[in-house]
PDB file of N, CA and C in Angstrom:
ATOM      1  N   MET A   1      19.473 -12.345 -22.920  1.00  0.00           N
ATOM      2  CA  MET A   1      18.520 -12.413 -21.959  1.00  0.00           C
ATOM      3  C   MET A   1      18.620 -11.783 -20.467  1.00  0.00           C
ATOM      4  N   LYS A   2      17.689 -10.881 -20.198  1.00  0.00           N
ATOM      5  CA  LYS A   2      17.821 -10.064 -18.916  1.00  0.00           C
ATOM      6  C   LYS A   2      17.182 -10.866 -17.885  1.00  0.00           C
ATOM      7  N   LEU A   3      18.140 -10.892 -16.992  1.00  0.00           N
ATOM      8  CA  LEU A   3      17.708 -11.495 -15.609  1.00  0.00           C
ATOM      9  C   LEU A   3      17.100 -10.607 -14.787  1.00  0.00           C
ATOM     10  N   PRO A   4      15.718 -11.071 -14.069  1.00  0.00           N
ATOM     11  CA  PRO A   4      15.258 -10.065 -13.195  1.00  0.00           C
ATOM     12  C   PRO A   4      16.098  -9.619 -12.006  1.00  0.00           C
ATOM     13  N   GLN A   5      15.831  -8.466 -11.625  1.00  0.00           N
ATOM     14  CA  GLN A   5      16.476  -7.872 -10.487  1.00  0.00           C
ATOM     15  C   GLN A   5      15.741  -8.037  -9.133  1.00  0.00           C
ATOM     16  N   ALA A   6      16.139  -7.951  -8.140  1.00  0.00           N
ATOM     17  CA  ALA A   6      15.397  -8.322  -6.729  1.00  0.00           C
ATOM     18  C   ALA A   6      14.114  -7.392  -6.683  1.00  0.00           C
ATOM     19  N   SER A   7      14.746  -5.917  -7.103  1.00  0.00           N
ATOM     20  CA  SER A   7      13.681  -5.075  -7.018  1.00  0.00           C
ATOM     21  C   SER A   7      12.427  -5.269  -8.080  1.00  0.00           C
ATOM     22  N   ASP A   8      12.453  -6.120  -9.168  1.00  0.00           N
ATOM     23  CA  ASP A   8      11.517  -6.455  -9.934  1.00  0.00           C
ATOM     24  C   ASP A   8      10.436  -6.932  -9.531  1.00  0.00           C
ATOM     25  N   HIS A   9      10.787  -7.818  -8.138  1.00  0.00           N
ATOM     26  CA  HIS A   9       9.886  -8.517  -7.622  1.00  0.00           C
ATOM     27  C   HIS A   9       8.993  -7.738  -6.631  1.00  0.00           C
ATOM     28  N   LEU A  10       9.316  -6.374  -6.270  1.00  0.00           N
ATOM     29  CA  LEU A  10       8.701  -5.801  -5.388  1.00  0.00           C
ATOM     30  C   LEU A  10       7.331  -5.656  -6.023  1.00  0.00           C
ATOM     31  N   ARG A  11       6.992  -5.487  -7.147  1.00  0.00           N
ATOM     32  CA  ARG A  11       5.413  -5.192  -7.747  1.00  0.00           C
ATOM     33  C   ARG A  11       4.699  -6.478  -7.818  1.00  0.00           C
ATOM     34  N   ARG A  12       5.213  -7.706  -7.390  1.00  0.00           N
ATOM     35  CA  ARG A  12       4.306  -8.741  -7.155  1.00  0.00           C
ATOM     36  C   ARG A  12       3.556  -8.912  -5.624  1.00  0.00           C
ATOM     37  N   PHE A  13       3.882  -8.013  -4.832  1.00  0.00           N
ATOM     38  CA  PHE A  13       3.544  -8.048  -3.314  1.00  0.00           C
ATOM     39  C   PHE A  13       2.569  -6.911  -3.101  1.00  0.00           C
ATOM     40  N   HIS A  14       1.766  -7.123  -2.146  1.00  0.00           N
ATOM     41  CA  HIS A  14       1.252  -6.054  -1.630  1.00  0.00           C
ATOM     42  C   HIS A  14       1.841  -5.372  -0.195  1.00  0.00           C
ATOM     43  N   CYS A  15       1.644  -4.201   0.059  1.00  0.00           N
ATOM     44  CA  CYS A  15       2.417  -3.761   1.229  1.00  0.00           C
ATOM     45  C   CYS A  15       1.657  -2.564   1.848  1.00  0.00           C
ATOM     46  N   SER A  16       1.596  -2.578   3.237  1.00  0.00           N
ATOM     47  CA  SER A  16       1.005  -1.718   3.798  1.00  0.00           C
ATOM     48  C   SER A  16       1.874  -0.156   3.692  1.00  0.00           C
ATOM     49  N   PRO A  17       0.758   0.805   4.115  1.00  0.00           N
ATOM     50  CA  PRO A  17       1.504   2.255   4.092  1.00  0.00           C
ATOM     51  C   PRO A  17       2.288   2.650   5.238  1.00  0.00           C
ATOM     52  N   ALA A  18       2.078   1.715   6.481  1.00  0.00           N
ATOM     53  CA  ALA A  18       2.630   1.875   7.758  1.00  0.00           C
ATOM     54  C   ALA A  18       4.083   2.145   7.812  1.00  0.00           C
ATOM     55  N   LEU A  19       4.311   3.305   7.548  1.00  0.00           N
ATOM     56  CA  LEU A  19       6.053   3.724   7.441  1.00  0.00           C
ATOM     57  C   LEU A  19       6.249   4.704   8.920  1.00  0.00           C
ATOM     58  N   HIS A  20       5.035   5.256   9.072  1.00  0.00           N
ATOM     59  CA  HIS A  20       4.905   6.311  10.023  1.00  0.00           C
ATOM     60  C   HIS A  20       5.598   7.648   9.514  1.00  0.00           C
ATOM     61  N   ASP A  21       5.761   7.813   8.467  1.00  0.00           N
ATOM     62  CA  ASP A  21       6.187   8.829   7.474  1.00  0.00           C
ATOM     63  C   ASP A  21       5.772   9.258   6.161  1.00  0.00           C
ATOM     64  N   PRO A  22       4.956   9.877   6.093  1.00  0.00           N
ATOM     65  CA  PRO A  22       4.151  10.148   4.603  1.00  0.00           C
ATOM     66  C   PRO A  22       5.022  10.205   3.519  1.00  0.00           C
ATOM     67  N   LYS A  23       6.435  10.874   3.780  1.00  0.00           N
ATOM     68  CA  LYS A  23       7.356  10.961   2.716  1.00  0.00           C
ATOM     69  C   LYS A  23       7.995   9.493   2.329  1.00  0.00           C
ATOM     70  N   LEU A  24       8.266   8.663   3.303  1.00  0.00           N
ATOM     71  CA  LEU A  24       8.508   7.120   2.985  1.00  0.00           C
ATOM     72  C   LEU A  24       7.336   6.461   2.307  1.00  0.00           C
ATOM     73  N   THR A  25       6.173   6.564   2.724  1.00  0.00           N
ATOM     74  CA  THR A  25       5.153   6.048   1.957  1.00  0.00           C
ATOM     75  C   THR A  25       4.917   6.410   0.628  1.00  0.00           C
ATOM     76  N   ARG A  26       5.087   7.894   0.410  1.00  0.00           N
ATOM     77  CA  ARG A  26       5.470   8.389  -0.835  1.00  0.00           C
ATOM     78  C   ARG A  26       6.234   7.613  -1.813  1.00  0.00           C
ATOM     79  N   THR A  27       7.436   7.312  -1.072  1.00  0.00           N
ATOM     80  CA  THR A  27       8.582   6.564  -1.745  1.00  0.00           C
ATOM     81  C   THR A  27       8.248   5.120  -2.063  1.00  0.00           C
ATOM     82  N   ARG A  28       7.485   4.562  -1.037  1.00  0.00           N
ATOM     83  CA  ARG A  28       6.871   3.235  -1.343  1.00  0.00           C
ATOM     84  C   ARG A  28       6.251   3.007  -2.469  1.00  0.00           C
ATOM     85  N   ILE A  29       5.114   4.092  -2.547  1.00  0.00           N
ATOM     86  CA  ILE A  29       4.165   4.142  -3.833  1.00  0.00           C
ATOM     87  C   ILE A  29       4.946   4.322  -4.873  1.00  0.00           C
ATOM     88  N   ASP A  30       6.069   4.955  -5.167  1.00  0.00           N
ATOM     89  CA  ASP A  30       6.978   5.186  -6.129  1.00  0.00           C
ATOM     90  C   ASP A  30       7.558   3.994  -6.736  1.00  0.00           C
ATOM     91  N   LEU A  31       7.932   3.386  -5.635  1.00  0.00           N
ATOM     92  CA  LEU A  31       8.545   1.855  -5.874  1.00  0.00           C
ATOM     93  C   LEU A  31       7.647   0.832  -6.257  1.00  0.00           C
ATOM     94  N   VAL A  32       6.868   0.740  -5.697  1.00  0.00           N
ATOM     95  CA  VAL A  32       5.696  -0.517  -5.935  1.00  0.00           C
ATOM     96  C   VAL A  32       4.629  -0.342  -6.824  1.00  0.00           C
ATOM     97  N   GLY A  33       4.316   0.882  -6.812  1.00  0.00           N
ATOM     98  CA  GLY A  33       3.029   1.208  -7.471  1.00  0.00           C
ATOM     99  C   GLY A  33       1.752   1.346  -6.637  1.00  0.00           C
ATOM    100  N   ALA A  34       0.951   2.480  -6.765  1.00  0.00           N
ATOM    101  CA  ALA A  34      -0.201   2.509  -5.953  1.00  0.00           C
ATOM    102  C   ALA A  34      -1.031   1.283  -6.010  1.00  0.00           C
ATOM    103  N   ASN A  35      -0.987   0.958  -6.950  1.00  0.00           N
ATOM    104  CA  ASN A  35      -2.053  -0.415  -6.874  1.00  0.00           C
ATOM    105  C   ASN A  35      -1.243  -1.781  -6.141  1.00  0.00           C
ATOM    106  N   ARG A  36      -0.180  -1.561  -5.352  1.00  0.00           N
ATOM    107  CA  ARG A  36       0.341  -2.427  -4.666  1.00  0.00           C
ATOM    108  C   ARG A  36       0.219  -2.138  -3.101  1.00  0.00           C
ATOM    109  N   VAL A  37      -0.292  -1.049  -2.553  1.00  0.00           N
ATOM    110  CA  VAL A  37      -0.284  -0.585  -1.226  1.00  0.00           C
ATOM    111  C   VAL A  37      -1.561  -0.331  -0.932  1.00  0.00           C
ATOM    112  N   VAL A  38      -1.615  -1.378   0.316  1.00  0.00           N
ATOM    113  CA  VAL A  38      -3.076  -1.600   0.849  1.00  0.00           C
ATOM    114  C   VAL A  38      -3.328  -0.899   2.121  1.00  0.00           C
ATOM    115  N   CYS A  39      -4.273  -0.214   2.479  1.00  0.00           N
ATOM    116  CA  CYS A  39      -4.518   0.663   3.671  1.00  0.00           C
ATOM    117  C   CYS A  39      -5.147  -0.519   4.724  1.00  0.00           C
ATOM    118  N   ASP A  40      -4.344  -0.955   5.758  1.00  0.00           N
ATOM    119  CA  ASP A  40      -4.868  -1.749   6.712  1.00  0.00           C
ATOM    120  C   ASP A  40      -4.897  -1.471   7.938  1.00  0.00           C
ATOM    121  N   SER A  41      -5.030  -2.314   8.837  1.00  0.00           N
ATOM    122  CA  SER A  41      -5.150  -1.924  10.309  1.00  0.00           C
ATOM    123  C   SER A  41      -4.756  -2.935  11.106  1.00  0.00           C
ATOM    124  N   ASP A  42      -3.536  -2.662  11.692  1.00  0.00           N
ATOM    125  CA  ASP A  42      -2.957  -3.658  12.848  1.00  0.00           C
ATOM    126  C   ASP A  42      -3.308  -3.240  14.239  1.00  0.00           C
ATOM    127  N   PHE A  43      -4.364  -2.477  14.482  1.00  0.00           N
ATOM    128  CA  PHE A  43      -4.708  -1.990  15.615  1.00  0.00           C
ATOM    129  C   PHE A  43      -4.931  -3.218  16.346  1.00  0.00           C
ATOM    130  N   PRO A  44      -4.723  -3.179  17.722  1.00  0.00           N
ATOM    131  CA  PRO A  44      -3.972  -2.347  18.489  1.00  0.00           C
ATOM    132  C   PRO A  44      -2.445  -2.669  18.552  1.00  0.00           C
ATOM    133  N   ASN A  45      -1.959  -3.230  17.526  1.00  0.00           N
ATOM    134  CA  ASN A  45      -0.484  -3.246  17.375  1.00  0.00           C
ATOM    135  C   ASN A  45       0.208  -2.038  17.438  1.00  0.00           C
ATOM    136  N   GLY A  46       1.341  -2.181  18.299  1.00  0.00           N
ATOM    137  CA  GLY A  46       2.103  -0.610  18.422  1.00  0.00           C
ATOM    138  C   GLY A  46       2.523   0.066  16.926  1.00  0.00           C
ATOM    139  N   VAL A  47       2.643  -0.850  15.939  1.00  0.00           N
ATOM    140  CA  VAL A  47       3.059  -0.034  14.768  1.00  0.00           C
ATOM    141  C   VAL A  47       1.701   0.331  14.047  1.00  0.00           C
ATOM    142  N   ALA A  48       0.547   0.249  14.265  1.00  0.00           N
ATOM    143  CA  ALA A  48      -0.735   0.530  13.598  1.00  0.00           C
ATOM    144  C   ALA A  48      -0.607   2.190  13.672  1.00  0.00           C
ATOM    145  N   ILE A  49      -1.357   2.664  12.375  1.00  0.00           N
ATOM    146  CA  ILE A  49      -1.476   4.032  12.209  1.00  0.00           C
ATOM    147  C   ILE A  49      -2.857   4.067  12.840  1.00  0.00           C
ATOM    148  N   LYS A  50      -2.936   5.091  13.706  1.00  0.00           N
ATOM    149  CA  LYS A  50      -4.169   5.433  14.506  1.00  0.00           C
ATOM    150  C   LYS A  50      -5.136   5.837  13.696  1.00  0.00           C
ATOM    151  N   LYS A  51      -5.132   6.940  12.586  1.00  0.00           N
ATOM    152  CA  LYS A  51      -5.811   7.551  11.904  1.00  0.00           C
ATOM    153  C   LYS A  51      -5.427   7.357  10.485  1.00  0.00           C
ATOM    154  N   PRO A  52      -5.725   6.183   9.721  1.00  0.00           N
ATOM    155  CA  PRO A  52      -5.288   5.971   8.710  1.00  0.00           C
ATOM    156  C   PRO A  52      -5.816   6.600   7.280  1.00  0.00           C
ATOM    157  N   ALA A  53      -6.929   7.415   7.490  1.00  0.00           N
ATOM    158  CA  ALA A  53      -7.462   8.051   6.579  1.00  0.00           C
ATOM    159  C   ALA A  53      -6.655   9.478   6.414  1.00  0.00           C
ATOM    160  N   GLU A  54      -6.481   9.858   7.650  1.00  0.00           N
ATOM    161  CA  GLU A  54      -5.750  11.399   7.600  1.00  0.00           C
ATOM    162  C   GLU A  54      -4.213  10.955   7.053  1.00  0.00           C
ATOM    163  N   TYR A  55      -3.886   9.970   7.655  1.00  0.00           N
ATOM    164  CA  TYR A  55      -2.198   9.551   7.393  1.00  0.00           C
ATOM    165  C   TYR A  55      -2.127   9.592   5.704  1.00  0.00           C
ATOM    166  N   VAL A  56      -2.999   8.792   4.895  1.00  0.00           N
ATOM    167  CA  VAL A  56      -2.999   8.666   3.656  1.00  0.00           C
ATOM    168  C   VAL A  56      -3.119  10.063   2.905  1.00  0.00           C
ATOM    169  N   LYS A  57      -4.155  10.947   3.434  1.00  0.00           N
ATOM    170  CA  LYS A  57      -4.222  12.203   2.994  1.00  0.00           C
ATOM    171  C   LYS A  57      -3.036  13.027   3.137  1.00  0.00           C
ATOM    172  N   SER A  58      -2.133  12.805   3.923  1.00  0.00           N
ATOM    173  CA  SER A  58      -1.035  13.662   4.266  1.00  0.00           C
ATOM    174  C   SER A  58       0.338  13.381   3.529  1.00  0.00           C
ATOM    175  N   ILE A  59      -0.043  12.098   2.583  1.00  0.00           N
ATOM    176  CA  ILE A  59       1.086  11.539   1.709  1.00  0.00           C
ATOM    177  C   ILE A  59       1.429  12.686   0.400  1.00  0.00           C
ATOM    178  N   PRO A  60       2.734  13.107   0.511  1.00  0.00           N
ATOM    179  CA  PRO A  60       2.865  14.219  -0.641  1.00  0.00           C
ATOM    180  C   PRO A  60       2.668  13.783  -1.940  1.00  0.00           C
ATOM    181  N   ASN A  61       1.918  14.665  -2.646  1.00  0.00           N
ATOM    182  CA  ASN A  61       1.562  14.503  -3.998  1.00  0.00           C
ATOM    183  C   ASN A  61       0.775  13.313  -4.480  1.00  0.00           C
ATOM    184  N   ILE A  62      -0.224  13.084  -3.567  1.00  0.00           N
ATOM    185  CA  ILE A  62      -0.914  11.584  -3.718  1.00  0.00           C
ATOM    186  C   ILE A  62      -2.054  12.003  -4.485  1.00  0.00           C
ATOM    187  N   THR A  63      -2.521  11.491  -5.477  1.00  0.00           N
ATOM    188  CA  THR A  63      -3.844  11.998  -6.094  1.00  0.00           C
ATOM    189  C   THR A  63      -4.907  11.280  -5.616  1.00  0.00           C
ATOM    190  N   ASP A  64      -6.099  11.910  -6.148  1.00  0.00           N
ATOM    191  CA  ASP A  64      -7.535  11.211  -5.688  1.00  0.00           C
ATOM    192  C   ASP A  64      -7.632   9.572  -6.005  1.00  0.00           C
ATOM    193  N   ASN A  65      -6.935   9.734  -7.273  1.00  0.00           N
ATOM    194  CA  ASN A  65      -7.175   8.030  -7.723  1.00  0.00           C
ATOM    195  C   ASN A  65      -6.263   7.301  -7.228  1.00  0.00           C
ATOM    196  N   LYS A  66      -5.225   7.652  -6.818  1.00  0.00           N
ATOM    197  CA  LYS A  66      -4.148   6.702  -5.983  1.00  0.00           C
ATOM    198  C   LYS A  66      -4.684   6.671  -4.712  1.00  0.00           C
ATOM    199  N   ARG A  67      -5.067   7.769  -3.936  1.00  0.00           N
ATOM    200  CA  ARG A  67      -5.820   7.526  -2.539  1.00  0.00           C
ATOM    201  C   ARG A  67      -7.189   6.438  -2.562  1.00  0.00           C
ATOM    202  N   GLN A  68      -7.761   6.502  -3.681  1.00  0.00           N
ATOM    203  CA  GLN A  68      -8.994   5.438  -4.077  1.00  0.00           C
ATOM    204  C   GLN A  68      -8.432   4.167  -4.078  1.00  0.00           C
ATOM    205  N   LEU A  69      -7.019   3.872  -4.639  1.00  0.00           N
ATOM    206  CA  LEU A  69      -6.766   2.648  -4.988  1.00  0.00           C
ATOM    207  C   LEU A  69      -6.369   2.246  -3.285  1.00  0.00           C
ATOM    208  N   VAL A  70      -5.520   2.913  -2.716  1.00  0.00           N
ATOM    209  CA  VAL A  70      -5.043   2.693  -1.468  1.00  0.00           C
ATOM    210  C   VAL A  70      -6.258   2.378  -0.217  1.00  0.00           C
ATOM    211  N   PHE A  71      -7.247   3.268  -0.418  1.00  0.00           N
ATOM    212  CA  PHE A  71      -8.360   2.938   0.651  1.00  0.00           C
ATOM    213  C   PHE A  71      -9.435   1.640   0.380  1.00  0.00           C
ATOM    214  N   TYR A  72      -9.933   1.759  -1.175  1.00  0.00           N
ATOM    215  CA  TYR A  72     -10.915   0.858  -1.400  1.00  0.00           C
ATOM    216  C   TYR A  72     -10.740  -0.357  -2.188  1.00  0.00           C
ATOM    217  N   GLU A  73     -10.202   0.095  -3.344  1.00  0.00           N
ATOM    218  CA  GLU A  73      -9.716  -0.711  -4.749  1.00  0.00           C
ATOM    219  C   GLU A  73      -8.946  -1.703  -4.126  1.00  0.00           C
ATOM    220  N   ASN A  74      -7.606  -1.678  -4.045  1.00  0.00           N
ATOM    221  CA  ASN A  74      -6.657  -2.655  -3.446  1.00  0.00           C
ATOM    222  C   ASN A  74      -6.938  -3.559  -2.321  1.00  0.00           C
ATOM    223  N   PRO A  75      -7.642  -3.116  -1.144  1.00  0.00           N
ATOM    224  CA  PRO A  75      -7.992  -3.977  -0.070  1.00  0.00           C
ATOM    225  C   PRO A  75      -9.174  -4.842  -0.495  1.00  0.00           C
ATOM    226  N   ALA A  76     -10.025  -4.521  -1.352  1.00  0.00           N
ATOM    227  CA  ALA A  76     -11.111  -5.064  -2.241  1.00  0.00           C
ATOM    228  C   ALA A  76     -10.630  -6.075  -3.060  1.00  0.00           C
ATOM    229  N   ARG A  77      -9.542  -5.994  -3.820  1.00  0.00           N
ATOM    230  CA  ARG A  77      -9.021  -6.924  -4.568  1.00  0.00           C
ATOM    231  C   ARG A  77      -8.265  -7.948  -3.969  1.00  0.00           C
ATOM    232  N   VAL A  78      -7.456  -7.655  -2.576  1.00  0.00           N
ATOM    233  CA  VAL A  78      -6.471  -8.483  -2.151  1.00  0.00           C
ATOM    234  C   VAL A  78      -7.597  -9.628  -1.204  1.00  0.00           C
ATOM    235  N   ARG A  79      -8.642  -8.903  -0.649  1.00  0.00           N
ATOM    236  CA  ARG A  79      -9.925  -9.720  -0.050  1.00  0.00           C
ATOM    237  C   ARG A  79     -10.553 -10.686  -1.074  1.00  0.00           C
ATOM    238  N   HIS A  80     -10.489 -10.400  -2.547  1.00  0.00           N
ATOM    239  CA  HIS A  80     -11.111 -11.135  -3.384  1.00  0.00           C
ATOM    240  C   HIS A  80      -9.956 -12.400  -3.661  1.00  0.00           C
ATOM    241  N   LEU A  81      -8.830 -11.998  -3.860  1.00  0.00           N
ATOM    242  CA  LEU A  81      -7.830 -13.018  -4.031  1.00  0.00           C
ATOM    243  C   LEU A  81      -7.624 -14.091  -2.853  1.00  0.00           C
ATOM    244  N   LEU A  82      -7.824 -13.486  -1.641  1.00  0.00           N
ATOM    245  CA  LEU A  82      -7.525 -14.380  -0.575  1.00  0.00           C
ATOM    246  C   LEU A  82      -8.648 -15.277  -0.427  1.00  0.00           C
ATOM    247  N   LEU A  83      -9.781 -14.901  -0.695  1.00  0.00           N
ATOM    248  CA  LEU A  83     -11.126 -15.659  -0.619  1.00  0.00           C
ATOM    249  C   LEU A  83     -11.277 -16.867  -1.802  1.00  0.00           C
ATOM    250  N   SER A  84     -10.847 -16.344  -2.737  1.00  0.00           N
ATOM    251  CA  SER A  84     -10.492 -17.180  -3.819  1.00  0.00           C
ATOM    252  C   SER A  84      -9.510 -18.632  -3.775  1.00  0.00           C
ATOM    253  N   CYS A  85      -8.851 -18.299  -2.669  1.00  0.00           N
ATOM    254  CA  CYS A  85      -7.682 -19.527  -2.441  1.00  0.00           C
ATOM    255  C   CYS A  85      -8.384 -20.511  -1.404  1.00  0.00           C
ATOM    256  N   LEU A  86      -9.310 -20.180  -0.823  1.00  0.00           N
ATOM    257  CA  LEU A  86     -10.111 -20.833   0.144  1.00  0.00           C
ATOM    258  C   LEU A  86     -10.743 -22.129  -0.575  1.00  0.00           C
TER     259      LEU A  86
END
């Protein structure tokens, strides 16, 4: 029986791309999968990404499909999940 590792649980959570370094965000996408990264807004919080569209476009080697997931599909899915819990 293989016991799960802590890193196995990363794919159960959704996270923000807000790392303020596109290369680090690329690493996050590689770790958790593009289907778990959600473009969000913490504005006017100090850690907010001021131009999220430009930031996501600057992530190295991000495909149009992954960009679509981060911008539109993942936020819509998370919103649906949250609303279904009410």
